[in-house]
Amino acid sequence: MSEILEAARALREGHLVAIPTETVYGLGADATNPTAVAKIYAAKGRPADHPLIVHFSNPDLITTWATEVPEYAWDLARAFWPGPMSLVLRRSELAGDFITGGQDTVALRVPKHPVALELLGQFEKLGGLGVAAPSANRFGKVSPTNAEAVRAELGAYLAAEDFILEGGGSEVGIESTIIDCTSERPRLLRLGAITAQMITRVTGLEIDRGSSAIRVSGSLASHYAPNAKVVLNQVARPGDGFIALAAETTPDSAIRLIAPDDVEGYAQQLYFALRQADALGLERVVAITPKGDGLAEAIRDRLQRASF
């Protein structure tokens, strides 16, 4: 039996599986099993009112988990699934409070990573309908982008029956864009690789810039934080970690953590760099944030929360 099929069976039996995705690694459980989902919250130390994202491989399952799906949400699903995008919709009866944090909405996603898609497909063949999976880290800490980071972060909190699937490094490196699709126009709830410009191009609708009361992952002021203190756009001191695009010169006696050529590389390597700072025992990390909109804006969002 393949490891992925074993992992799918473990999910059906109520165990946890750490899943590689193109964004970050997630910690998954059967989204219809409240006992299994409770294990996610326990392993992460996550507050019970923080909703989870439900993952599946077949976009048609959107109507199993949600009601009142607007046409522009279908347009987004056709354009960006599988991919780094989660859609927030009015929940169906299947989406229990233990998934939604007591809200009347549910977040849904079809990830792109081949291991994740195969696992979800096998799970669905076994009768599963969706896998709830936040990032596979302790609450508020840096999301893992490889299996080794998951083991370091959560190994002590997982049971012998749980799985950590190997899938290499995450291609995108930051969490999915979350889009509120409960109103006439889409509203961005979390920035990511699917940008506002991309959403408008597909839907023909301008982004609703109004505020939202919907709670989603990664919306707290302080999040994605290493043990090291993160400061933004300051002069690095000797012994500081340093994160910046390759065009930025490393200050004297600073410790260069990454030197990506572009914003895509910056996003992909960011969480590795923050984890590396802690592995090296650094007290402070200086990050020079990339300029521009789109993915650069999402990177700035993550770094701002890490520095709070």
C-alpha atoms as a PDB file:
ATOM      1  CA  MET A   1       0.000   0.000   0.000  1.00  0.00           C
ATOM      2  CA  SER A   2       1.360   3.442  -0.887  1.00  0.00           C
ATOM      3  CA  GLU A   3       2.083   5.902   1.902  1.00  0.00           C
ATOM      4  CA  ILE A   4      -0.472   8.325   0.472  1.00  0.00           C
ATOM      5  CA  LEU A   5      -3.217   5.686   0.561  1.00  0.00           C
ATOM      6  CA  GLU A   6      -2.202   4.812   4.127  1.00  0.00           C
ATOM      7  CA  ALA A   7      -2.443   8.494   5.014  1.00  0.00           C
ATOM      8  CA  ALA A   8      -5.899   8.745   3.393  1.00  0.00           C
ATOM      9  CA  ARG A   9      -7.053   5.776   5.455  1.00  0.00           C
ATOM     10  CA  ALA A  10      -5.589   7.353   8.575  1.00  0.00           C
ATOM     11  CA  LEU A  11      -7.658  10.494   7.892  1.00  0.00           C
ATOM     12  CA  ARG A  12     -10.814   8.386   7.568  1.00  0.00           C
ATOM     13  CA  GLU A  13      -9.958   6.731  10.892  1.00  0.00           C
ATOM     14  CA  GLY A  14      -9.743  10.099  12.648  1.00  0.00           C
ATOM     15  CA  HIS A  15      -5.981  10.657  12.665  1.00  0.00           C
ATOM     16  CA  LEU A  16      -3.970  13.712  11.589  1.00  0.00           C
ATOM     17  CA  VAL A  17      -1.885  14.057   8.424  1.00  0.00           C
ATOM     18  CA  ALA A  18       0.598  16.845   7.691  1.00  0.00           C
ATOM     19  CA  ILE A  19       0.104  17.654   4.020  1.00  0.00           C
ATOM     20  CA  PRO A  20       2.460  19.404   1.599  1.00  0.00           C
ATOM     21  CA  THR A  21       0.780  22.110  -0.447  1.00  0.00           C
ATOM     22  CA  GLU A  22       2.155  24.707  -2.830  1.00  0.00           C
ATOM     23  CA  THR A  23       1.632  27.428  -0.197  1.00  0.00           C
ATOM     24  CA  VAL A  24       2.773  25.888   3.116  1.00  0.00           C
ATOM     25  CA  TYR A  25       2.404  22.504   4.811  1.00  0.00           C
ATOM     26  CA  GLY A  26      -0.983  21.961   6.437  1.00  0.00           C
ATOM     27  CA  LEU A  27      -2.139  19.795   9.343  1.00  0.00           C
ATOM     28  CA  GLY A  28      -5.185  17.911   8.131  1.00  0.00           C
ATOM     29  CA  ALA A  29      -8.119  16.007   9.618  1.00  0.00           C
ATOM     30  CA  ASP A  30     -11.448  14.730   8.315  1.00  0.00           C
ATOM     31  CA  ALA A  31     -13.533  17.902   8.130  1.00  0.00           C
ATOM     32  CA  THR A  32     -16.720  16.010   9.049  1.00  0.00           C
ATOM     33  CA  ASN A  33     -15.227  14.463  12.214  1.00  0.00           C
ATOM     34  CA  PRO A  34     -15.337  16.823  15.213  1.00  0.00           C
ATOM     35  CA  THR A  35     -13.134  14.551  17.344  1.00  0.00           C
ATOM     36  CA  ALA A  36     -10.451  14.467  14.657  1.00  0.00           C
ATOM     37  CA  VAL A  37     -10.645  18.227  14.072  1.00  0.00           C
ATOM     38  CA  ALA A  38     -10.262  18.810  17.822  1.00  0.00           C
ATOM     39  CA  LYS A  39      -6.857  17.110  17.541  1.00  0.00           C
ATOM     40  CA  ILE A  40      -5.735  19.857  15.134  1.00  0.00           C
ATOM     41  CA  TYR A  41      -6.609  22.540  17.672  1.00  0.00           C
ATOM     42  CA  ALA A  42      -4.832  20.616  20.439  1.00  0.00           C
ATOM     43  CA  ALA A  43      -1.654  20.009  18.415  1.00  0.00           C
ATOM     44  CA  LYS A  44      -1.450  23.637  17.306  1.00  0.00           C
ATOM     45  CA  GLY A  45      -2.609  25.243  20.546  1.00  0.00           C
ATOM     46  CA  ARG A  46      -5.127  27.072  18.370  1.00  0.00           C
ATOM     47  CA  PRO A  47      -8.102  29.003  19.820  1.00  0.00           C
ATOM     48  CA  ALA A  48     -11.380  27.206  19.152  1.00  0.00           C
ATOM     49  CA  ASP A  49     -13.008  30.244  17.506  1.00  0.00           C
ATOM     50  CA  HIS A  50     -10.429  30.328  14.680  1.00  0.00           C
ATOM     51  CA  PRO A  51     -12.020  28.763  11.582  1.00  0.00           C
ATOM     52  CA  LEU A  52     -10.315  26.212   9.358  1.00  0.00           C
ATOM     53  CA  ILE A  53     -10.093  25.879   5.573  1.00  0.00           C
ATOM     54  CA  VAL A  54     -11.668  22.773   4.024  1.00  0.00           C
ATOM     55  CA  HIS A  55      -9.619  21.195   1.220  1.00  0.00           C
ATOM     56  CA  PHE A  56     -10.811  18.823  -1.491  1.00  0.00           C
ATOM     57  CA  SER A  57      -9.654  17.730  -4.949  1.00  0.00           C
ATOM     58  CA  ASN A  58     -12.942  17.985  -6.850  1.00  0.00           C
ATOM     59  CA  PRO A  59     -14.240  21.564  -7.307  1.00  0.00           C
ATOM     60  CA  ASP A  60     -17.785  20.175  -7.611  1.00  0.00           C
ATOM     61  CA  LEU A  61     -17.667  19.569  -3.845  1.00  0.00           C
ATOM     62  CA  ILE A  62     -18.029  23.306  -3.360  1.00  0.00           C
ATOM     63  CA  THR A  63     -21.827  22.887  -3.316  1.00  0.00           C
ATOM     64  CA  THR A  64     -21.539  20.150  -0.685  1.00  0.00           C
ATOM     65  CA  TRP A  65     -19.932  22.576   1.728  1.00  0.00           C
ATOM     66  CA  ALA A  66     -21.478  25.894   0.653  1.00  0.00           C
ATOM     67  CA  THR A  67     -24.732  27.490  -0.421  1.00  0.00           C
ATOM     68  CA  GLU A  68     -25.449  30.687  -2.381  1.00  0.00           C
ATOM     69  CA  VAL A  69     -22.356  30.406  -4.562  1.00  0.00           C
ATOM     70  CA  PRO A  70     -22.212  33.535  -6.767  1.00  0.00           C
ATOM     71  CA  GLU A  71     -21.166  33.247 -10.391  1.00  0.00           C
ATOM     72  CA  TYR A  72     -17.983  35.217  -9.781  1.00  0.00           C
ATOM     73  CA  ALA A  73     -16.932  32.587  -7.207  1.00  0.00           C
ATOM     74  CA  TRP A  74     -17.286  29.911  -9.887  1.00  0.00           C
ATOM     75  CA  ASP A  75     -15.231  32.118 -12.223  1.00  0.00           C
ATOM     76  CA  LEU A  76     -12.488  32.311  -9.609  1.00  0.00           C
ATOM     77  CA  ALA A  77     -12.597  28.567  -8.988  1.00  0.00           C
ATOM     78  CA  ARG A  78     -12.309  27.826 -12.701  1.00  0.00           C
ATOM     79  CA  ALA A  79      -9.407  30.254 -13.073  1.00  0.00           C
ATOM     80  CA  PHE A  80      -7.329  29.511  -9.970  1.00  0.00           C
ATOM     81  CA  TRP A  81      -8.144  26.013  -8.724  1.00  0.00           C
ATOM     82  CA  PRO A  82      -6.112  23.979  -8.163  1.00  0.00           C
ATOM     83  CA  GLY A  83      -4.070  26.792  -6.664  1.00  0.00           C
ATOM     84  CA  PRO A  84      -3.239  29.116  -3.762  1.00  0.00           C
ATOM     85  CA  MET A  85      -6.735  30.555  -3.269  1.00  0.00           C
ATOM     86  CA  SER A  86      -9.432  29.963  -0.633  1.00  0.00           C
ATOM     87  CA  LEU A  87     -13.034  31.094  -1.128  1.00  0.00           C
ATOM     88  CA  VAL A  88     -15.265  32.062   1.802  1.00  0.00           C
ATOM     89  CA  LEU A  89     -18.931  31.236   1.198  1.00  0.00           C
ATOM     90  CA  ARG A  90     -22.156  30.751   3.120  1.00  0.00           C
ATOM     91  CA  ARG A  91     -21.854  27.369   4.782  1.00  0.00           C
ATOM     92  CA  SER A  92     -24.058  24.355   4.215  1.00  0.00           C
ATOM     93  CA  GLU A  93     -25.318  22.171   7.072  1.00  0.00           C
ATOM     94  CA  LEU A  94     -22.284  19.914   6.585  1.00  0.00           C
ATOM     95  CA  ALA A  95     -19.896  22.662   7.739  1.00  0.00           C
ATOM     96  CA  GLY A  96     -20.187  22.449  11.517  1.00  0.00           C
ATOM     97  CA  ASP A  97     -19.274  25.067  14.092  1.00  0.00           C
ATOM     98  CA  PHE A  98     -16.130  23.058  14.867  1.00  0.00           C
ATOM     99  CA  ILE A  99     -14.896  23.959  11.345  1.00  0.00           C
ATOM    100  CA  THR A 100     -16.251  27.499  10.997  1.00  0.00           C
ATOM    101  CA  GLY A 101     -15.494  28.822  14.476  1.00  0.00           C
ATOM    102  CA  GLY A 102     -19.232  29.338  14.938  1.00  0.00           C
ATOM    103  CA  GLN A 103     -19.573  31.591  11.892  1.00  0.00           C
ATOM    104  CA  ASP A 104     -22.147  31.120   9.120  1.00  0.00           C
ATOM    105  CA  THR A 105     -19.378  30.965   6.497  1.00  0.00           C
ATOM    106  CA  VAL A 106     -16.847  28.335   5.446  1.00  0.00           C
ATOM    107  CA  ALA A 107     -13.512  28.661   3.603  1.00  0.00           C
ATOM    108  CA  LEU A 108     -12.825  26.202   0.762  1.00  0.00           C
ATOM    109  CA  ARG A 109      -9.763  25.378  -1.326  1.00  0.00           C
ATOM    110  CA  VAL A 110      -8.426  22.977  -3.972  1.00  0.00           C
ATOM    111  CA  PRO A 111      -4.626  22.940  -3.529  1.00  0.00           C
ATOM    112  CA  LYS A 112      -2.242  22.448  -6.428  1.00  0.00           C
ATOM    113  CA  HIS A 113       0.518  20.275  -4.935  1.00  0.00           C
ATOM    114  CA  PRO A 114       0.483  16.780  -6.536  1.00  0.00           C
ATOM    115  CA  VAL A 115       0.856  14.972  -3.193  1.00  0.00           C
ATOM    116  CA  ALA A 116      -2.011  16.961  -1.676  1.00  0.00           C
ATOM    117  CA  LEU A 117      -4.236  16.319  -4.689  1.00  0.00           C
ATOM    118  CA  GLU A 118      -3.509  12.586  -4.669  1.00  0.00           C
ATOM    119  CA  LEU A 119      -4.157  12.363  -0.937  1.00  0.00           C
ATOM    120  CA  LEU A 120      -7.446  14.252  -1.238  1.00  0.00           C
ATOM    121  CA  GLY A 121      -8.470  12.136  -4.217  1.00  0.00           C
ATOM    122  CA  GLN A 122      -7.769   8.910  -2.334  1.00  0.00           C
ATOM    123  CA  PHE A 123      -9.612  10.272   0.698  1.00  0.00           C
ATOM    124  CA  GLU A 124     -12.645  11.076  -1.448  1.00  0.00           C
ATOM    125  CA  LYS A 125     -12.591   7.567  -2.965  1.00  0.00           C
ATOM    126  CA  LEU A 126     -12.812   6.248   0.589  1.00  0.00           C
ATOM    127  CA  GLY A 127     -15.935   8.344   1.147  1.00  0.00           C
ATOM    128  CA  GLY A 128     -14.329  11.491   2.540  1.00  0.00           C
ATOM    129  CA  LEU A 129     -15.791  14.878   1.657  1.00  0.00           C
ATOM    130  CA  GLY A 130     -13.081  17.296   2.743  1.00  0.00           C
ATOM    131  CA  VAL A 131      -9.974  17.746   4.856  1.00  0.00           C
ATOM    132  CA  ALA A 132      -9.705  20.642   7.299  1.00  0.00           C
ATOM    133  CA  ALA A 133      -6.119  21.874   7.310  1.00  0.00           C
ATOM    134  CA  PRO A 134      -4.571  24.997   8.823  1.00  0.00           C
ATOM    135  CA  SER A 135      -0.801  25.456   8.619  1.00  0.00           C
ATOM    136  CA  ALA A 136       1.194  22.744  10.408  1.00  0.00           C
ATOM    137  CA  ASN A 137       2.757  24.898  13.123  1.00  0.00           C
ATOM    138  CA  ARG A 138       2.033  26.002  16.660  1.00  0.00           C
ATOM    139  CA  PHE A 139      -0.476  28.839  16.723  1.00  0.00           C
ATOM    140  CA  GLY A 140       0.975  32.216  15.764  1.00  0.00           C
ATOM    141  CA  LYS A 141       4.362  30.814  14.809  1.00  0.00           C
ATOM    142  CA  VAL A 142       6.101  30.551  11.442  1.00  0.00           C
ATOM    143  CA  SER A 143       4.374  28.288   8.911  1.00  0.00           C
ATOM    144  CA  PRO A 144       6.435  25.291   7.709  1.00  0.00           C
ATOM    145  CA  THR A 145       7.391  24.976   4.054  1.00  0.00           C
ATOM    146  CA  ASN A 146       8.989  21.509   4.235  1.00  0.00           C
ATOM    147  CA  ALA A 147       8.432  18.266   6.122  1.00  0.00           C
ATOM    148  CA  GLU A 148      11.504  18.754   8.307  1.00  0.00           C
ATOM    149  CA  ALA A 149      10.037  21.996   9.670  1.00  0.00           C
ATOM    150  CA  VAL A 150       6.767  20.190  10.476  1.00  0.00           C
ATOM    151  CA  ARG A 151       8.648  17.541  12.454  1.00  0.00           C
ATOM    152  CA  ALA A 152      10.576  20.184  14.352  1.00  0.00           C
ATOM    153  CA  GLU A 153       7.446  22.196  15.096  1.00  0.00           C
ATOM    154  CA  LEU A 154       4.815  19.545  15.795  1.00  0.00           C
ATOM    155  CA  GLY A 155       6.583  16.201  16.158  1.00  0.00           C
ATOM    156  CA  ALA A 156       6.109  16.200  19.915  1.00  0.00           C
ATOM    157  CA  TYR A 157       2.364  16.873  19.538  1.00  0.00           C
ATOM    158  CA  LEU A 158       1.508  14.120  17.040  1.00  0.00           C
ATOM    159  CA  ALA A 159       0.485  10.536  17.803  1.00  0.00           C
ATOM    160  CA  ALA A 160       2.127   7.416  16.418  1.00  0.00           C
ATOM    161  CA  GLU A 161      -0.848   6.915  14.074  1.00  0.00           C
ATOM    162  CA  ASP A 162      -0.494  10.377  12.540  1.00  0.00           C
ATOM    163  CA  PHE A 163       1.397  11.017   9.292  1.00  0.00           C
ATOM    164  CA  ILE A 164       3.803  13.629   7.964  1.00  0.00           C
ATOM    165  CA  LEU A 165       3.867  13.352   4.177  1.00  0.00           C
ATOM    166  CA  GLU A 166       7.018  14.401   2.331  1.00  0.00           C
ATOM    167  CA  GLY A 167       6.481  16.693  -0.633  1.00  0.00           C
ATOM    168  CA  GLY A 168       9.617  18.810  -0.931  1.00  0.00           C
ATOM    169  CA  GLY A 169       9.660  22.558  -0.438  1.00  0.00           C
ATOM    170  CA  SER A 170       6.491  24.606  -0.945  1.00  0.00           C
ATOM    171  CA  GLU A 171       6.562  26.426  -4.278  1.00  0.00           C
ATOM    172  CA  VAL A 172       4.690  29.590  -3.245  1.00  0.00           C
ATOM    173  CA  GLY A 173       5.874  29.775   0.365  1.00  0.00           C
ATOM    174  CA  ILE A 174       3.128  31.921   1.927  1.00  0.00           C
ATOM    175  CA  GLU A 175      -0.459  31.050   2.731  1.00  0.00           C
ATOM    176  CA  SER A 176      -3.331  31.155   0.256  1.00  0.00           C
ATOM    177  CA  THR A 177      -5.216  34.287  -0.697  1.00  0.00           C
ATOM    178  CA  ILE A 178      -8.585  34.263   1.105  1.00  0.00           C
ATOM    179  CA  ILE A 179     -11.501  35.878  -0.743  1.00  0.00           C
ATOM    180  CA  ASP A 180     -14.876  36.661   0.807  1.00  0.00           C
ATOM    181  CA  CYS A 181     -17.521  35.709  -1.767  1.00  0.00           C
ATOM    182  CA  THR A 182     -20.592  36.378   0.363  1.00  0.00           C
ATOM    183  CA  SER A 183     -21.393  39.796  -1.131  1.00  0.00           C
ATOM    184  CA  GLU A 184     -21.996  41.249  -4.586  1.00  0.00           C
ATOM    185  CA  ARG A 185     -18.268  41.878  -5.056  1.00  0.00           C
ATOM    186  CA  PRO A 186     -15.225  39.903  -3.853  1.00  0.00           C
ATOM    187  CA  ARG A 187     -13.430  41.141  -0.748  1.00  0.00           C
ATOM    188  CA  LEU A 188      -9.841  40.252   0.174  1.00  0.00           C
ATOM    189  CA  LEU A 189      -9.530  38.811   3.669  1.00  0.00           C
ATOM    190  CA  ARG A 190      -5.923  37.589   3.413  1.00  0.00           C
ATOM    191  CA  LEU A 191      -3.315  38.572   0.837  1.00  0.00           C
ATOM    192  CA  GLY A 192      -1.458  35.932  -1.130  1.00  0.00           C
ATOM    193  CA  ALA A 193      -0.216  34.893  -4.551  1.00  0.00           C
ATOM    194  CA  ILE A 194      -3.643  35.458  -6.161  1.00  0.00           C
ATOM    195  CA  THR A 195      -3.690  39.231  -6.259  1.00  0.00           C
ATOM    196  CA  ALA A 196      -6.442  41.853  -6.394  1.00  0.00           C
ATOM    197  CA  GLN A 197      -5.542  42.586 -10.013  1.00  0.00           C
ATOM    198  CA  MET A 198      -5.885  38.901 -10.928  1.00  0.00           C
ATOM    199  CA  ILE A 199      -9.258  38.683  -9.182  1.00  0.00           C
ATOM    200  CA  THR A 200     -10.606  41.745 -10.984  1.00  0.00           C
ATOM    201  CA  ARG A 201      -9.310  40.496 -14.334  1.00  0.00           C
ATOM    202  CA  VAL A 202     -11.168  37.185 -13.970  1.00  0.00           C
ATOM    203  CA  THR A 203     -14.408  38.447 -12.431  1.00  0.00           C
ATOM    204  CA  GLY A 204     -14.698  41.866 -14.074  1.00  0.00           C
ATOM    205  CA  LEU A 205     -15.514  43.219 -10.604  1.00  0.00           C
ATOM    206  CA  GLU A 206     -13.639  45.739  -8.508  1.00  0.00           C
ATOM    207  CA  ILE A 207     -12.551  44.499  -5.096  1.00  0.00           C
ATOM    208  CA  ASP A 208     -14.850  45.541  -2.233  1.00  0.00           C
ATOM    209  CA  ARG A 209     -12.531  47.526   0.063  1.00  0.00           C
ATOM    210  CA  GLY A 210     -14.999  47.598   2.952  1.00  0.00           C
ATOM    211  CA  SER A 211     -14.239  46.011   6.292  1.00  0.00           C
ATOM    212  CA  SER A 212     -15.415  42.504   7.145  1.00  0.00           C
ATOM    213  CA  ALA A 213     -16.387  40.831  10.402  1.00  0.00           C
ATOM    214  CA  ILE A 214     -15.520  37.374   9.044  1.00  0.00           C
ATOM    215  CA  ARG A 215     -12.666  35.735  10.981  1.00  0.00           C
ATOM    216  CA  VAL A 216     -10.029  33.913   8.940  1.00  0.00           C
ATOM    217  CA  SER A 217      -6.614  32.400   9.541  1.00  0.00           C
ATOM    218  CA  GLY A 218      -3.714  34.827   9.715  1.00  0.00           C
ATOM    219  CA  SER A 219      -5.818  37.900  10.464  1.00  0.00           C
ATOM    220  CA  LEU A 220      -4.399  38.661  13.915  1.00  0.00           C
ATOM    221  CA  ALA A 221      -2.042  41.621  14.267  1.00  0.00           C
ATOM    222  CA  SER A 222       0.720  39.322  15.550  1.00  0.00           C
ATOM    223  CA  HIS A 223       1.280  36.147  13.535  1.00  0.00           C
ATOM    224  CA  TYR A 224       3.939  34.204  11.574  1.00  0.00           C
ATOM    225  CA  ALA A 225       6.440  35.180  14.275  1.00  0.00           C
ATOM    226  CA  PRO A 226       9.798  33.543  15.032  1.00  0.00           C
ATOM    227  CA  ASN A 227      11.450  33.750  18.459  1.00  0.00           C
ATOM    228  CA  ALA A 228      13.837  36.358  17.063  1.00  0.00           C
ATOM    229  CA  LYS A 229      12.616  39.949  17.031  1.00  0.00           C
ATOM    230  CA  VAL A 230      11.754  41.036  13.478  1.00  0.00           C
ATOM    231  CA  VAL A 231      12.279  44.677  12.518  1.00  0.00           C
ATOM    232  CA  LEU A 232      11.502  46.186   9.150  1.00  0.00           C
ATOM    233  CA  ASN A 233      13.503  48.513   6.904  1.00  0.00           C
ATOM    234  CA  GLN A 234      16.113  49.467   9.478  1.00  0.00           C
ATOM    235  CA  VAL A 235      19.912  49.324   9.451  1.00  0.00           C
ATOM    236  CA  ALA A 236      21.139  45.876  10.460  1.00  0.00           C
ATOM    237  CA  ARG A 237      23.565  45.727  13.367  1.00  0.00           C
ATOM    238  CA  PRO A 238      26.471  43.277  13.659  1.00  0.00           C
ATOM    239  CA  GLY A 239      25.061  39.842  14.454  1.00  0.00           C
ATOM    240  CA  ASP A 240      21.580  40.595  13.112  1.00  0.00           C
ATOM    241  CA  GLY A 241      19.976  38.318  10.592  1.00  0.00           C
ATOM    242  CA  PHE A 242      19.319  40.039   7.273  1.00  0.00           C
ATOM    243  CA  ILE A 243      16.526  39.340   4.767  1.00  0.00           C
ATOM    244  CA  ALA A 244      16.313  41.276   1.507  1.00  0.00           C
ATOM    245  CA  LEU A 245      16.294  40.963  -2.253  1.00  0.00           C
ATOM    246  CA  ALA A 246      19.673  40.116  -3.763  1.00  0.00           C
ATOM    247  CA  ALA A 247      20.101  43.691  -5.032  1.00  0.00           C
ATOM    248  CA  GLU A 248      20.377  44.870  -1.411  1.00  0.00           C
ATOM    249  CA  THR A 249      23.949  44.761  -0.057  1.00  0.00           C
ATOM    250  CA  THR A 250      24.467  42.836   3.170  1.00  0.00           C
ATOM    251  CA  PRO A 251      25.506  45.218   5.969  1.00  0.00           C
ATOM    252  CA  ASP A 252      28.876  44.608   7.622  1.00  0.00           C
ATOM    253  CA  SER A 253      28.830  41.708  10.103  1.00  0.00           C
ATOM    254  CA  ALA A 254      25.120  40.983   9.510  1.00  0.00           C
ATOM    255  CA  ILE A 255      24.136  37.383   8.777  1.00  0.00           C
ATOM    256  CA  ARG A 256      22.535  37.030   5.379  1.00  0.00           C
ATOM    257  CA  LEU A 257      19.632  34.576   5.667  1.00  0.00           C
ATOM    258  CA  ILE A 258      18.325  34.730   2.075  1.00  0.00           C
ATOM    259  CA  ALA A 259      19.061  36.764  -1.047  1.00  0.00           C
ATOM    260  CA  PRO A 260      16.213  36.068  -3.502  1.00  0.00           C
ATOM    261  CA  ASP A 261      16.346  37.548  -6.999  1.00  0.00           C
ATOM    262  CA  ASP A 262      12.656  38.484  -7.144  1.00  0.00           C
ATOM    263  CA  VAL A 263       9.471  38.697  -5.087  1.00  0.00           C
ATOM    264  CA  GLU A 264       8.501  35.125  -5.987  1.00  0.00           C
ATOM    265  CA  GLY A 265      11.763  33.877  -4.509  1.00  0.00           C
ATOM    266  CA  TYR A 266      11.310  36.174  -1.505  1.00  0.00           C
ATOM    267  CA  ALA A 267       7.911  34.655  -0.740  1.00  0.00           C
ATOM    268  CA  GLN A 268       9.138  31.105  -1.283  1.00  0.00           C
ATOM    269  CA  GLN A 269      12.133  31.516   1.036  1.00  0.00           C
ATOM    270  CA  LEU A 270      10.721  33.875   3.680  1.00  0.00           C
ATOM    271  CA  TYR A 271       9.563  31.336   6.267  1.00  0.00           C
ATOM    272  CA  PHE A 272      12.721  29.261   5.820  1.00  0.00           C
ATOM    273  CA  ALA A 273      14.716  32.397   6.639  1.00  0.00           C
ATOM    274  CA  LEU A 274      12.704  33.145   9.780  1.00  0.00           C
ATOM    275  CA  ARG A 275      13.116  29.566  10.960  1.00  0.00           C
ATOM    276  CA  GLN A 276      16.814  29.687  10.163  1.00  0.00           C
ATOM    277  CA  ALA A 277      17.154  32.759  12.374  1.00  0.00           C
ATOM    278  CA  ASP A 278      15.823  30.763  15.311  1.00  0.00           C
ATOM    279  CA  ALA A 279      18.003  27.762  14.459  1.00  0.00           C
ATOM    280  CA  LEU A 280      21.033  30.057  14.601  1.00  0.00           C
ATOM    281  CA  GLY A 281      19.879  31.549  17.890  1.00  0.00           C
ATOM    282  CA  LEU A 282      19.677  35.081  16.497  1.00  0.00           C
ATOM    283  CA  GLU A 283      18.068  37.733  18.670  1.00  0.00           C
ATOM    284  CA  ARG A 284      17.077  40.107  15.874  1.00  0.00           C
ATOM    285  CA  VAL A 285      16.273  39.914  12.157  1.00  0.00           C
ATOM    286  CA  VAL A 286      16.164  42.938   9.883  1.00  0.00           C
ATOM    287  CA  ALA A 287      13.970  42.538   6.803  1.00  0.00           C
ATOM    288  CA  ILE A 288      14.018  44.977   3.901  1.00  0.00           C
ATOM    289  CA  THR A 289      10.532  44.662   2.472  1.00  0.00           C
ATOM    290  CA  PRO A 290       9.969  44.482  -1.289  1.00  0.00           C
ATOM    291  CA  LYS A 291       8.200  47.376  -2.991  1.00  0.00           C
ATOM    292  CA  GLY A 292       5.154  47.147  -5.214  1.00  0.00           C
ATOM    293  CA  ASP A 293       1.704  45.586  -5.104  1.00  0.00           C
ATOM    294  CA  GLY A 294       0.500  42.018  -5.615  1.00  0.00           C
ATOM    295  CA  LEU A 295       2.773  39.393  -4.078  1.00  0.00           C
ATOM    296  CA  ALA A 296       5.082  42.073  -2.659  1.00  0.00           C
ATOM    297  CA  GLU A 297       2.119  43.434  -0.709  1.00  0.00           C
ATOM    298  CA  ALA A 298       1.420  39.944   0.675  1.00  0.00           C
ATOM    299  CA  ILE A 299       5.054  39.602   1.772  1.00  0.00           C
ATOM    300  CA  ARG A 300       4.861  42.944   3.572  1.00  0.00           C
ATOM    301  CA  ASP A 301       1.678  41.781   5.294  1.00  0.00           C
ATOM    302  CA  ARG A 302       3.393  38.643   6.645  1.00  0.00           C
ATOM    303  CA  LEU A 303       6.472  40.543   7.787  1.00  0.00           C
ATOM    304  CA  GLN A 304       4.387  43.263   9.457  1.00  0.00           C
ATOM    305  CA  ARG A 305       2.558  40.625  11.492  1.00  0.00           C
ATOM    306  CA  ALA A 306       5.830  38.819  12.305  1.00  0.00           C
ATOM    307  CA  SER A 307       7.260  42.085  13.618  1.00  0.00           C
ATOM    308  CA  PHE A 308       4.273  43.110  15.733  1.00  0.00           C
END
